[in-house]
Amino acid sequence: MSGELWVLLGTLATAFLAYKGTAKKSSSEMESVYVKEMKGIVEEYKEQAEKLKIEVKLLQQENREVRKINEQLVLENQKLKGVV
C-alpha cells in the first residue's frame, strides 16, 4: 500500500475511535467531536494535496528538461552515425 493510503487508514481509524469513544456522551456532543475530527482530516488532506501539486509541477518541469536533453542526444547520436 502507498504511504498516502496508510495515512488515510490511520486517520479514519482515529476518527472512528474518537467517534466510538464518545458513545457515553449525548448525540450532539458525539456529532460535534466527530465533525471536528473530520474537519481536521480534511485540512490534513488539503495540505497534502497542495504539497503534491507542487511536487507534480516540479516533476513535470524536470521531465521537460530531460526530454529536451534526450532529443539533443538523439540528434547528436544520429550525426555521429552519419544519419543526419
Protein backbone atom coordinates (compact mmCIF):
# COMPACT_ATOMS: atom_id res chain seq x y z
CA MET A 1 0.00 0.00 0.00
CA SER A 2 1.14 3.52 -0.65
CA GLY A 3 2.04 5.86 2.18
CA GLU A 4 -0.99 8.05 1.49
CA LEU A 5 -3.30 5.07 1.85
CA TRP A 6 -1.77 4.17 5.22
CA VAL A 7 -2.24 7.78 6.36
CA LEU A 8 -5.86 7.65 5.25
CA LEU A 9 -6.49 4.39 7.09
CA GLY A 10 -4.80 5.74 10.20
CA THR A 11 -6.78 8.94 10.23
CA LEU A 12 -10.04 7.11 9.59
CA ALA A 13 -9.25 4.70 12.42
CA THR A 14 -8.50 7.67 14.68
CA ALA A 15 -11.78 9.30 13.69
CA PHE A 16 -13.66 6.07 14.32
CA LEU A 17 -12.08 5.67 17.76
CA ALA A 18 -12.86 9.29 18.60
CA TYR A 19 -16.44 8.75 17.50
CA LYS A 20 -16.74 5.44 19.36
CA GLY A 21 -15.14 6.95 22.47
CA THR A 22 -17.93 9.48 22.71
CA ALA A 23 -20.68 6.85 22.91
CA LYS A 24 -21.39 7.76 26.54
CA LYS A 25 -21.93 11.42 25.62
CA SER A 26 -25.05 12.96 24.18
CA SER A 27 -25.75 12.63 20.49
CA SER A 28 -24.99 16.29 19.75
CA GLU A 29 -21.69 16.14 21.66
CA MET A 30 -20.80 12.98 19.78
CA GLU A 31 -21.52 14.59 16.43
CA SER A 32 -19.50 17.66 17.42
CA VAL A 33 -16.42 15.58 18.22
CA TYR A 34 -16.85 13.57 15.03
CA VAL A 35 -17.24 16.72 12.90
CA LYS A 36 -14.14 18.29 14.45
CA GLU A 37 -12.13 15.15 13.73
CA MET A 38 -13.37 15.01 10.14
CA LYS A 39 -12.55 18.70 9.63
CA GLY A 40 -9.03 18.00 10.85
CA ILE A 41 -8.69 15.12 8.42
CA VAL A 42 -9.99 17.25 5.55
CA GLU A 43 -7.50 20.02 6.35
CA GLU A 44 -4.67 17.48 6.52
CA TYR A 45 -5.58 16.16 3.08
CA LYS A 46 -5.88 19.67 1.65
CA GLU A 47 -2.35 20.41 2.83
CA GLN A 48 -1.11 17.12 1.41
CA ALA A 49 -2.84 17.84 -1.91
CA GLU A 50 -1.14 21.24 -2.15
CA LYS A 51 2.26 19.68 -1.49
CA LEU A 52 1.58 17.04 -4.14
CA LYS A 53 0.54 19.70 -6.67
CA ILE A 54 3.87 21.46 -6.15
CA GLU A 55 5.75 18.17 -6.46
CA VAL A 56 3.89 17.34 -9.69
CA LYS A 57 4.80 20.72 -11.19
CA LEU A 58 8.46 20.21 -10.30
CA LEU A 59 8.46 16.71 -11.78
CA GLN A 60 6.77 17.95 -14.95
CA GLN A 61 9.44 20.63 -15.36
CA GLU A 62 12.18 18.08 -14.75
CA ASN A 63 10.56 15.76 -17.29
CA ARG A 64 10.51 18.54 -19.92
CA GLU A 65 14.19 19.24 -19.31
CA VAL A 66 15.12 15.55 -19.56
CA ARG A 67 13.13 15.17 -22.79
CA LYS A 68 14.91 18.18 -24.27
CA ILE A 69 18.31 16.74 -23.35
CA ASN A 70 17.23 13.38 -24.77
CA GLU A 71 16.25 14.98 -28.09
CA GLN A 72 19.65 16.68 -28.27
CA LEU A 73 21.42 13.40 -27.55
CA VAL A 74 19.39 11.57 -30.20
CA LEU A 75 20.35 14.20 -32.79
CA GLU A 76 23.99 14.04 -31.73
CA ASN A 77 23.90 10.24 -31.96
CA GLN A 78 22.39 10.40 -35.44
CA LYS A 79 25.08 12.85 -36.54
CA LEU A 80 27.79 10.56 -35.21
CA LYS A 81 26.27 7.63 -37.09
CA GLY A 82 26.09 9.74 -40.24
CA VAL A 83 22.31 9.53 -40.48
CA VAL A 84 21.79 13.29 -40.46
